Amino acid sequence: MTENLTTTLTRYAASTTHGALPTNVRERAKQVIVDEIACSYFGRRSLAGDLGARYAAEAGGPPEARIYATGQRVSAPNAALANGAAGHGEEVDGAHVVGGHPGASIVHAAVAMAEKQRATGAELVNAVVLGYDVGVRIVEACGKLYGVKDRFGLNSDFLYAFGCAAAASRLLGLDATRHAHALALTSFSTNALASFYAEKRHISKSLCNGQFASAGVSGALMARAGLEGHEDIVGAPYGLLHAWGAEGQREAVTRGLGDQFAIMGANFKFLNAGYPIHAPVEAALDLMATHGIRVGQIAAVDVGMPTNTMKVVDNRDMHNICLQDMLSAALVRGGLKLRESPFPEVLGDAAFGRLRQRITLRGHPDLDRDQPDGRGAIVTITTVDGVSLSTRIDYPRGHSKRGGATWPELADKWREGLPECNVDRMLALAQRLDEVEDVNEFLNAFRAR
């Protein structure tokens, strides 16, 4: 192979091992893996999760990997599609500091391939860490979430398909050249016009994550079969960075490989709502509890957010990515429960309608300065007595810059979210995933009691 940007990346990818990973990276990866699989089981009840599973079952293929929570087995690409769609179906899957939802694609691509290959738990952990390292770096080199969206009208999550391809290729044991072909072959199967943010039922917004996972798995399998693509798909003229790269960010693709692990920027969610909504909900509920404010006392709620972030959740038709809807519901109901959506029932509550009209959402100059692509919020509640009370949250609960999630927090999350499962066994196996000889043993722990 001629030395170029892609070969630098793929030579690293083909050489990665579980044993070379620092302990904290392994730990974070195991938390991400179990959380994302649980999100997919949880999201099977969503419309996208149900339809994705039906489609994958009809598409079929050899029984290589399971469609979670169905008892059905299909080809690895189809399983990745169904499980990725369900993974984002209820908006409880993890996010990342560079933007988007890498886990809903990368984890399910890696798991489907690991199950097909009967890989060890250690191999799965290594593949997921690698998938994040490749996918996140490519998103960063293209200008992160808002850079890609503003310049091209695309949702940057489609670039995580390249992380899926890297993870799947590593599990197949491909050499660096075949890794490069897998990336190139994946490029023909992935895209994401950001218009899906305006849809009403969260179907394609979820399905696309599964499609990215499927594209990466398929690209790896094509490369193993001998199909080829450009060996420098990342850096070549008319390649990935030529098409979507941000000026001056080319070196982000390989910067810190083997030393700075992108999975450490993974964020965990504890509400089934778009991630920009989490900090405002947490801040407003904190103000209500701290100062003993009742809903009937609220005259106005002012929510300041980074302008880029605000645009994602301002008056959306989908309830769970609409700040005004979710914040109003949270205040009227005294919080948001993971398993119980307040919609559509809360729409008939007069208190909800009144409060929603009193919420103002705006870009805040302090947050634009401090974290232009961040997930923080400054919330001010003004009471009918004219008292204004404010609080600022820079990083919502579960954010990597707030420490991520602990194992007990994940246990609490999924005891509520998946009461039909033996959550303690799931998490116990996840914590010793490095020692599991066949990932099927781990996956079997998610079955309903």
Protein backbone atom coordinates (compact mmCIF):
# COMPACT_ATOMS: atom_id res chain seq x y z
CA MET A 1 0.00 0.00 0.00
CA THR A 2 1.17 3.50 -0.83
CA GLU A 3 1.41 5.64 2.31
CA ASN A 4 -1.48 8.11 2.47
CA LEU A 5 -4.03 9.37 4.96
CA THR A 6 -6.23 6.31 4.67
CA THR A 7 -3.39 3.81 5.05
CA THR A 8 -2.18 5.57 8.18
CA LEU A 9 -5.66 5.11 9.58
CA THR A 10 -6.22 1.55 8.40
CA ARG A 11 -2.79 0.26 9.41
CA TYR A 12 -3.58 1.45 12.88
CA ALA A 13 -7.07 -0.09 12.70
CA ALA A 14 -5.81 -3.50 11.60
CA SER A 15 -3.25 -3.60 14.39
CA THR A 16 -5.44 -2.66 17.36
CA THR A 17 -5.79 -5.09 20.25
CA HIS A 18 -7.81 -5.24 23.41
CA GLY A 19 -4.65 -5.66 25.46
CA ALA A 20 -3.34 -2.28 24.38
CA LEU A 21 -6.39 -0.42 25.65
CA PRO A 22 -6.08 1.49 28.95
CA THR A 23 -8.29 0.27 31.76
CA ASN A 24 -10.51 3.35 31.80
CA VAL A 25 -11.11 3.04 28.04
CA ARG A 26 -12.16 -0.58 28.40
CA GLU A 27 -14.50 0.37 31.23
CA ARG A 28 -16.14 3.16 29.26
CA ALA A 29 -16.51 0.89 26.23
CA LYS A 30 -18.25 -1.79 28.28
CA GLN A 31 -20.66 0.79 29.67
CA VAL A 32 -21.38 2.12 26.18
CA ILE A 33 -21.94 -1.39 24.79
CA VAL A 34 -24.41 -2.51 27.45
CA ASP A 35 -26.24 0.83 27.42
CA GLU A 36 -26.64 0.87 23.63
CA ILE A 37 -27.88 -2.73 23.49
CA ALA A 38 -30.36 -1.97 26.28
CA CYS A 39 -31.48 1.14 24.35
CA SER A 40 -32.24 -1.08 21.37
CA TYR A 41 -34.27 -3.53 23.45
CA PHE A 42 -36.10 -0.56 24.95
CA GLY A 43 -36.58 1.05 21.53
CA ARG A 44 -38.05 -2.06 19.94
CA ARG A 45 -41.45 -0.75 21.12
CA SER A 46 -41.04 2.44 19.06
CA LEU A 47 -42.59 2.72 15.63
CA ALA A 48 -39.18 2.84 13.98
CA GLY A 49 -38.01 -0.13 16.05
CA ASP A 50 -41.04 -2.19 15.11
CA LEU A 51 -40.97 -1.32 11.42
CA GLY A 52 -37.20 -1.79 11.21
CA ALA A 53 -37.52 -5.26 12.73
CA ARG A 54 -40.31 -6.20 10.33
CA TYR A 55 -38.30 -5.03 7.35
CA ALA A 56 -35.16 -6.88 8.47
CA ALA A 57 -37.14 -10.07 9.09
CA GLU A 58 -38.63 -9.90 5.60
CA ALA A 59 -35.22 -9.18 4.06
CA GLY A 60 -33.89 -12.18 5.99
CA GLY A 61 -30.65 -13.79 4.92
CA PRO A 62 -28.59 -16.43 6.74
CA PRO A 63 -29.25 -16.59 10.52
CA GLU A 64 -26.03 -14.81 11.52
CA ALA A 65 -27.23 -12.34 14.15
CA ARG A 66 -30.32 -11.68 16.22
CA ILE A 67 -32.91 -8.95 15.89
CA TYR A 68 -33.10 -7.97 19.53
CA ALA A 69 -36.25 -8.87 21.45
CA THR A 70 -37.82 -10.83 18.59
CA GLY A 71 -36.30 -14.31 18.63
CA GLN A 72 -35.47 -13.90 14.93
CA ARG A 73 -32.06 -14.21 13.28
CA VAL A 74 -31.09 -12.64 9.96
CA SER A 75 -27.95 -11.63 8.10
CA ALA A 76 -25.51 -9.43 10.00
CA PRO A 77 -26.23 -6.32 7.83
CA ASN A 78 -29.97 -6.70 8.35
CA ALA A 79 -29.59 -7.28 12.09
CA ALA A 80 -27.43 -4.16 12.34
CA LEU A 81 -30.09 -2.18 10.49
CA ALA A 82 -32.95 -3.33 12.73
CA ASN A 83 -31.05 -2.97 15.99
CA GLY A 84 -29.61 0.43 15.09
CA ALA A 85 -33.06 1.74 14.19
CA ALA A 86 -34.48 0.51 17.50
CA GLY A 87 -31.43 1.86 19.32
CA HIS A 88 -32.36 5.43 18.46
CA GLY A 89 -36.11 4.79 18.45
CA GLU A 90 -36.84 6.21 21.90
CA GLU A 91 -34.07 8.86 22.07
CA VAL A 92 -32.38 7.30 25.11
CA ASP A 93 -29.23 6.21 23.29
CA GLY A 94 -25.92 7.90 23.96
CA ALA A 95 -24.53 10.98 22.26
CA HIS A 96 -20.98 12.34 21.82
CA VAL A 97 -19.20 15.62 22.40
CA VAL A 98 -18.51 16.04 18.65
CA GLY A 99 -22.23 15.63 18.04
CA GLY A 100 -24.68 12.97 17.03
CA HIS A 101 -25.27 9.38 18.06
CA PRO A 102 -22.31 7.15 17.20
CA GLY A 103 -23.38 4.32 19.48
CA ALA A 104 -26.70 3.72 17.73
CA SER A 105 -24.71 2.78 14.64
CA ILE A 106 -21.24 1.63 15.72
CA VAL A 107 -22.25 -0.62 18.63
CA HIS A 108 -24.94 -2.43 16.65
CA ALA A 109 -22.67 -2.89 13.64
CA ALA A 110 -19.97 -4.33 15.87
CA VAL A 111 -22.34 -6.57 17.82
CA ALA A 112 -23.94 -7.99 14.67
CA MET A 113 -20.53 -8.83 13.22
CA ALA A 114 -19.24 -10.16 16.55
CA GLU A 115 -22.24 -12.45 16.80
CA LYS A 116 -21.73 -13.66 13.21
CA GLN A 117 -18.07 -14.37 13.97
CA ARG A 118 -18.70 -15.76 17.47
CA ALA A 119 -16.12 -13.25 18.64
CA THR A 120 -14.96 -12.89 22.23
CA GLY A 121 -16.09 -10.08 24.47
CA ALA A 122 -12.58 -8.63 24.36
CA GLU A 123 -12.70 -8.52 20.56
CA LEU A 124 -16.05 -6.74 20.70
CA VAL A 125 -14.70 -4.14 23.16
CA ASN A 126 -11.69 -3.50 20.94
CA ALA A 127 -13.86 -3.17 17.82
CA VAL A 128 -16.23 -0.67 19.43
CA VAL A 129 -13.33 1.47 20.69
CA LEU A 130 -11.85 1.41 17.18
CA GLY A 131 -15.20 2.27 15.59
CA TYR A 132 -15.45 5.37 17.77
CA ASP A 133 -11.84 6.31 17.04
CA VAL A 134 -12.41 6.23 13.28
CA GLY A 135 -15.97 7.57 13.14
CA VAL A 136 -15.54 10.42 15.60
CA ARG A 137 -12.28 11.58 14.00
CA ILE A 138 -13.89 11.70 10.57
CA VAL A 139 -16.83 13.70 11.92
CA GLU A 140 -14.38 16.09 13.56
CA ALA A 141 -12.36 16.44 10.34
CA CYS A 142 -15.57 17.37 8.53
CA GLY A 143 -16.46 20.15 10.96
CA LYS A 144 -18.51 18.25 13.55
CA LEU A 145 -22.29 18.08 13.66
CA TYR A 146 -23.17 21.69 12.93
CA GLY A 147 -20.39 22.26 10.42
CA VAL A 148 -21.63 19.36 8.28
CA LYS A 149 -25.26 20.41 8.64
CA ASP A 150 -24.71 24.10 7.89
CA ARG A 151 -22.45 23.56 4.87
CA PHE A 152 -24.11 20.57 3.24
CA GLY A 153 -27.57 20.11 4.75
CA LEU A 154 -26.48 16.69 6.01
CA ASN A 155 -26.68 15.05 9.41
CA SER A 156 -23.11 14.15 10.34
CA ASP A 157 -24.16 10.78 11.77
CA PHE A 158 -23.80 9.31 8.28
CA LEU A 159 -20.04 9.61 8.74
CA TYR A 160 -20.24 7.14 11.63
CA ALA A 161 -20.79 4.48 8.97
CA PHE A 162 -17.03 4.59 8.44
CA GLY A 163 -16.54 3.78 12.11
CA CYS A 164 -18.98 0.89 11.64
CA ALA A 165 -16.90 -0.36 8.72
CA ALA A 166 -13.69 -0.17 10.76
CA ALA A 167 -15.24 -2.07 13.68
CA ALA A 168 -16.69 -4.76 11.42
CA SER A 169 -13.44 -5.08 9.45
CA ARG A 170 -11.43 -5.57 12.64
CA LEU A 171 -13.78 -8.34 13.77
CA LEU A 172 -13.30 -10.00 10.39
CA GLY A 173 -9.54 -9.78 10.82
CA LEU A 174 -9.02 -7.85 7.59
CA ASP A 175 -5.60 -6.45 6.77
CA ALA A 176 -4.98 -2.73 6.28
CA THR A 177 -5.61 -2.86 2.52
CA ARG A 178 -8.97 -4.57 2.97
CA HIS A 179 -9.84 -2.10 5.74
CA ALA A 180 -9.28 0.69 3.20
CA HIS A 181 -11.46 -1.06 0.63
CA ALA A 182 -14.18 -1.49 3.26
CA LEU A 183 -14.19 2.26 3.95
CA ALA A 184 -14.41 3.00 0.22
CA LEU A 185 -17.19 0.48 -0.37
CA THR A 186 -19.14 1.85 2.60
CA SER A 187 -19.03 5.34 1.09
CA PHE A 188 -21.46 4.29 -1.65
CA SER A 189 -24.17 3.30 0.83
CA THR A 190 -24.43 6.15 3.31
CA ASN A 191 -25.92 9.64 3.37
CA ALA A 192 -28.35 11.62 5.51
CA LEU A 193 -30.19 14.73 4.41
CA ALA A 194 -30.96 16.66 7.59
CA SER A 195 -34.55 17.22 6.50
CA PHE A 196 -35.55 14.32 8.76
CA TYR A 197 -35.48 16.71 11.72
CA ALA A 198 -38.76 18.09 10.38
CA GLU A 199 -40.60 14.76 10.19
CA LYS A 200 -43.37 14.03 12.66
CA ARG A 201 -42.97 10.42 13.81
CA HIS A 202 -39.24 9.86 14.39
CA ILE A 203 -39.09 7.04 11.85
CA SER A 204 -36.34 7.95 9.40
CA LYS A 205 -34.47 9.81 12.16
CA SER A 206 -34.13 6.42 13.87
CA LEU A 207 -33.88 4.22 10.81
CA CYS A 208 -30.90 6.10 9.42
CA ASN A 209 -28.71 5.00 12.34
CA GLY A 210 -29.50 1.41 11.48
CA GLN A 211 -28.81 2.05 7.82
CA PHE A 212 -25.38 3.46 8.68
CA ALA A 213 -24.64 0.36 10.75
CA SER A 214 -25.76 -1.90 7.92
CA ALA A 215 -23.66 0.04 5.40
CA GLY A 216 -20.51 -0.44 7.48
CA VAL A 217 -21.10 -4.15 8.00
CA SER A 218 -21.84 -4.62 4.30
CA GLY A 219 -18.74 -2.67 3.30
CA ALA A 220 -16.55 -4.90 5.46
CA LEU A 221 -18.12 -8.07 4.06
CA MET A 222 -17.69 -6.82 0.50
CA ALA A 223 -14.02 -6.09 1.16
CA ARG A 224 -13.53 -9.58 2.57
CA ALA A 225 -15.17 -11.00 -0.56
CA GLY A 226 -12.56 -9.28 -2.71
CA LEU A 227 -14.44 -6.19 -3.85
CA GLU A 228 -12.32 -3.06 -3.94
CA GLY A 229 -12.48 0.70 -3.75
CA HIS A 230 -10.06 3.61 -3.77
CA GLU A 231 -7.25 2.93 -1.31
CA ASP A 232 -7.23 6.55 -0.11
CA ILE A 233 -10.96 7.16 0.08
CA VAL A 234 -10.41 9.49 3.03
CA GLY A 235 -7.74 11.80 1.65
CA ALA A 236 -7.79 11.49 -2.15
CA PRO A 237 -9.06 14.11 -4.60
CA TYR A 238 -12.84 13.64 -4.77
CA GLY A 239 -12.61 11.47 -1.67
CA LEU A 240 -14.27 11.88 1.70
CA LEU A 241 -12.45 15.01 2.90
CA HIS A 242 -12.56 16.57 -0.56
CA ALA A 243 -16.35 16.24 -0.43
CA TRP A 244 -17.09 17.10 3.19
CA GLY A 245 -13.88 18.02 5.00
CA ALA A 246 -13.56 21.26 6.97
CA GLU A 247 -10.71 23.60 6.15
CA GLY A 248 -7.62 22.96 8.27
CA GLN A 249 -9.02 19.81 9.90
CA ARG A 250 -7.41 17.12 7.75
CA GLU A 251 -5.02 15.97 10.46
CA ALA A 252 -7.91 15.31 12.85
CA VAL A 253 -8.35 11.94 11.12
CA THR A 254 -5.15 10.52 12.61
CA ARG A 255 -4.33 12.88 15.47
CA GLY A 256 -3.85 11.06 18.78
CA LEU A 257 -4.54 7.55 17.46
CA GLY A 258 -3.59 5.02 20.10
CA ASP A 259 -3.32 7.69 22.77
CA GLN A 260 -6.53 9.73 22.77
CA PHE A 261 -9.56 7.45 22.64
CA ALA A 262 -12.72 8.98 21.21
CA ILE A 263 -15.04 6.75 23.22
CA MET A 264 -14.08 8.74 26.31
CA GLY A 265 -16.20 11.56 24.85
CA ALA A 266 -19.32 9.37 24.86
CA ASN A 267 -22.29 10.81 26.76
CA PHE A 268 -25.10 8.84 28.41
CA LYS A 269 -28.77 9.85 28.43
CA PHE A 270 -31.31 9.35 31.20
CA LEU A 271 -34.35 10.88 29.50
CA ASN A 272 -36.08 9.83 26.29
CA ALA A 273 -35.60 13.23 24.72
CA GLY A 274 -33.22 14.87 22.27
CA TYR A 275 -29.93 15.54 24.03
CA PRO A 276 -30.11 19.37 23.86
CA ILE A 277 -33.28 19.14 25.96
CA HIS A 278 -31.64 17.40 28.93
CA ALA A 279 -29.87 20.39 30.51
CA PRO A 280 -32.93 22.70 30.32
CA VAL A 281 -35.16 20.06 31.90
CA GLU A 282 -32.63 19.36 34.65
CA ALA A 283 -32.13 23.07 35.34
CA ALA A 284 -35.84 23.90 35.43
CA LEU A 285 -36.68 20.97 37.71
CA ASP A 286 -33.80 21.95 40.02
CA LEU A 287 -35.20 25.49 40.30
CA MET A 288 -38.70 24.16 41.03
CA ALA A 289 -37.45 21.81 43.75
CA THR A 290 -34.94 24.20 45.34
CA HIS A 291 -37.34 27.12 45.60
CA GLY A 292 -40.62 25.25 46.09
CA ILE A 293 -42.18 26.65 42.91
CA ARG A 294 -45.53 25.24 41.78
CA VAL A 295 -46.56 25.10 38.15
CA GLY A 296 -49.39 27.56 38.73
CA GLN A 297 -46.90 30.14 40.02
CA ILE A 298 -44.90 30.25 36.78
CA ALA A 299 -45.36 33.41 34.74
CA ALA A 300 -42.50 32.80 32.30
CA VAL A 301 -39.66 30.40 31.55
CA ASP A 302 -36.67 31.72 29.63
CA VAL A 303 -34.32 29.08 28.21
CA GLY A 304 -30.95 30.14 26.87
CA MET A 305 -28.93 27.63 24.85
CA PRO A 306 -26.06 27.69 22.36
CA THR A 307 -27.63 28.96 19.14
CA ASN A 308 -26.58 25.94 17.08
CA THR A 309 -28.07 23.57 19.63
CA MET A 310 -31.24 25.62 20.01
CA LYS A 311 -32.05 25.27 16.31
CA VAL A 312 -32.22 21.49 16.63
CA VAL A 313 -35.00 21.47 19.25
CA ASP A 314 -36.96 24.69 18.68
CA ASN A 315 -40.66 23.97 18.05
CA ARG A 316 -40.14 20.62 16.32
CA ASP A 317 -43.10 18.52 15.22
CA MET A 318 -41.59 15.45 16.92
CA HIS A 319 -42.44 15.81 20.60
CA ASN A 320 -39.28 14.20 21.97
CA ILE A 321 -36.97 16.56 20.10
CA CYS A 322 -39.10 19.65 20.81
CA LEU A 323 -37.83 21.70 23.76
CA GLN A 324 -41.12 23.48 24.36
CA ASP A 325 -43.10 20.22 24.46
CA MET A 326 -40.70 18.22 26.62
CA LEU A 327 -39.95 21.00 29.10
CA SER A 328 -43.64 21.79 29.55
CA ALA A 329 -44.45 18.13 30.07
CA ALA A 330 -41.59 17.72 32.56
CA LEU A 331 -42.73 20.69 34.65
CA VAL A 332 -46.41 19.72 34.62
CA ARG A 333 -45.67 16.06 35.43
CA GLY A 334 -42.88 16.79 37.92
CA GLY A 335 -40.32 15.03 35.74
CA LEU A 336 -40.00 12.65 32.81
CA LYS A 337 -40.10 8.90 33.29
CA LEU A 338 -38.00 6.73 31.04
CA ARG A 339 -40.72 4.18 30.37
CA GLU A 340 -43.77 6.45 30.24
CA SER A 341 -44.07 9.02 27.46
CA PRO A 342 -46.25 11.97 28.46
CA PHE A 343 -47.53 12.23 24.89
CA PRO A 344 -50.18 12.37 23.59
CA GLU A 345 -52.04 12.33 26.95
CA VAL A 346 -50.49 15.54 28.28
CA LEU A 347 -51.68 17.48 25.23
CA GLY A 348 -55.16 17.51 26.75
CA ASP A 349 -53.93 19.00 30.04
CA ALA A 350 -54.84 22.69 30.25
CA ALA A 351 -51.82 23.36 32.48
CA PHE A 352 -49.55 22.01 29.75
CA GLY A 353 -51.06 24.31 27.14
CA ARG A 354 -50.76 27.39 29.36
CA LEU A 355 -47.18 26.66 30.37
CA ARG A 356 -46.03 25.93 26.84
CA GLN A 357 -47.07 29.43 25.78
CA ARG A 358 -44.90 30.90 28.54
CA ILE A 359 -41.63 29.30 27.42
CA THR A 360 -39.16 31.40 25.47
CA LEU A 361 -36.19 29.72 23.79
CA ARG A 362 -33.25 31.75 22.53
CA GLY A 363 -29.60 31.57 21.73
CA HIS A 364 -27.57 32.81 24.68
CA PRO A 365 -24.38 34.83 24.04
CA ASP A 366 -22.57 33.40 27.08
CA LEU A 367 -23.15 29.83 25.91
CA ASP A 368 -22.31 30.74 22.31
CA ARG A 369 -18.98 32.03 23.62
CA ASP A 370 -18.23 29.20 26.04
CA GLN A 371 -19.61 26.14 24.22
CA PRO A 372 -20.95 26.94 20.73
CA ASP A 373 -21.58 23.26 19.99
CA GLY A 374 -22.36 22.32 23.59
CA ARG A 375 -25.37 20.99 25.46
CA GLY A 376 -25.60 23.51 28.30
CA ALA A 377 -28.50 25.75 29.26
CA ILE A 378 -29.31 28.81 31.35
CA VAL A 379 -32.88 28.68 32.63
CA THR A 380 -34.74 31.55 34.31
CA ILE A 381 -38.16 31.05 35.86
CA THR A 382 -40.19 34.16 36.66
CA THR A 383 -43.09 33.73 39.08
CA VAL A 384 -46.41 35.54 39.07
CA ASP A 385 -45.06 37.55 42.01
CA GLY A 386 -42.32 38.96 39.77
CA VAL A 387 -39.45 36.96 41.30
CA SER A 388 -36.87 35.70 38.77
CA LEU A 389 -34.68 32.72 39.60
CA SER A 390 -31.91 31.41 37.35
CA THR A 391 -29.51 28.51 37.14
CA ARG A 392 -26.93 27.33 34.62
CA ILE A 393 -26.00 23.76 33.74
CA ASP A 394 -23.06 23.36 31.41
CA TYR A 395 -23.20 19.57 31.10
CA PRO A 396 -26.32 17.48 31.73
CA ARG A 397 -26.26 14.34 33.81
CA GLY A 398 -24.36 11.55 32.04
CA HIS A 399 -22.19 13.91 30.00
CA SER A 400 -18.57 12.81 29.64
CA LYS A 401 -17.35 16.15 31.00
CA ARG A 402 -19.45 15.52 34.08
CA GLY A 403 -17.97 12.07 34.56
CA GLY A 404 -20.20 10.01 32.29
CA ALA A 405 -22.31 7.33 33.96
CA THR A 406 -21.58 5.00 36.85
CA TRP A 407 -22.55 1.35 36.90
CA PRO A 408 -25.14 1.99 39.65
CA GLU A 409 -26.67 4.77 37.52
CA LEU A 410 -26.93 2.44 34.55
CA ALA A 411 -28.49 -0.17 36.81
CA ASP A 412 -31.15 2.30 37.97
CA LYS A 413 -31.80 3.43 34.40
CA TRP A 414 -32.43 -0.06 33.08
CA ARG A 415 -34.27 -1.43 36.10
CA GLU A 416 -36.85 1.21 35.23
CA GLY A 417 -36.52 0.86 31.46
CA LEU A 418 -36.34 -2.94 31.14
CA PRO A 419 -38.13 -4.42 34.19
CA GLU A 420 -38.78 -7.61 32.21
CA CYS A 421 -35.02 -8.30 32.01
CA ASN A 422 -32.52 -9.45 34.60
CA VAL A 423 -30.65 -6.15 34.65
CA ASP A 424 -28.25 -7.23 37.37
CA ARG A 425 -27.10 -10.17 35.25
CA MET A 426 -26.80 -7.96 32.15
CA LEU A 427 -24.56 -5.52 33.96
CA ALA A 428 -22.54 -8.20 35.75
CA LEU A 429 -21.69 -9.80 32.40
CA ALA A 430 -20.96 -6.39 30.89
CA GLN A 431 -18.47 -5.62 33.62
CA ARG A 432 -16.54 -8.80 32.85
CA LEU A 433 -17.11 -8.67 29.09
CA ASP A 434 -13.35 -8.89 28.55
CA GLU A 435 -13.49 -12.48 29.88
CA VAL A 436 -16.50 -13.69 27.86
CA GLU A 437 -15.46 -16.33 25.31
CA ASP A 438 -18.46 -15.90 23.01
CA VAL A 439 -20.51 -12.69 22.77
CA ASN A 440 -23.64 -14.83 22.50
CA GLU A 441 -23.34 -15.55 26.23
CA PHE A 442 -23.47 -11.82 26.91
CA LEU A 443 -26.31 -11.17 24.45
CA ASN A 444 -28.39 -13.98 25.91
CA ALA A 445 -28.48 -12.08 29.21
CA PHE A 446 -30.81 -9.50 27.64
CA ARG A 447 -33.62 -11.97 27.11
CA ALA A 448 -36.80 -11.29 29.05
CA ARG A 449 -37.18 -13.33 32.21
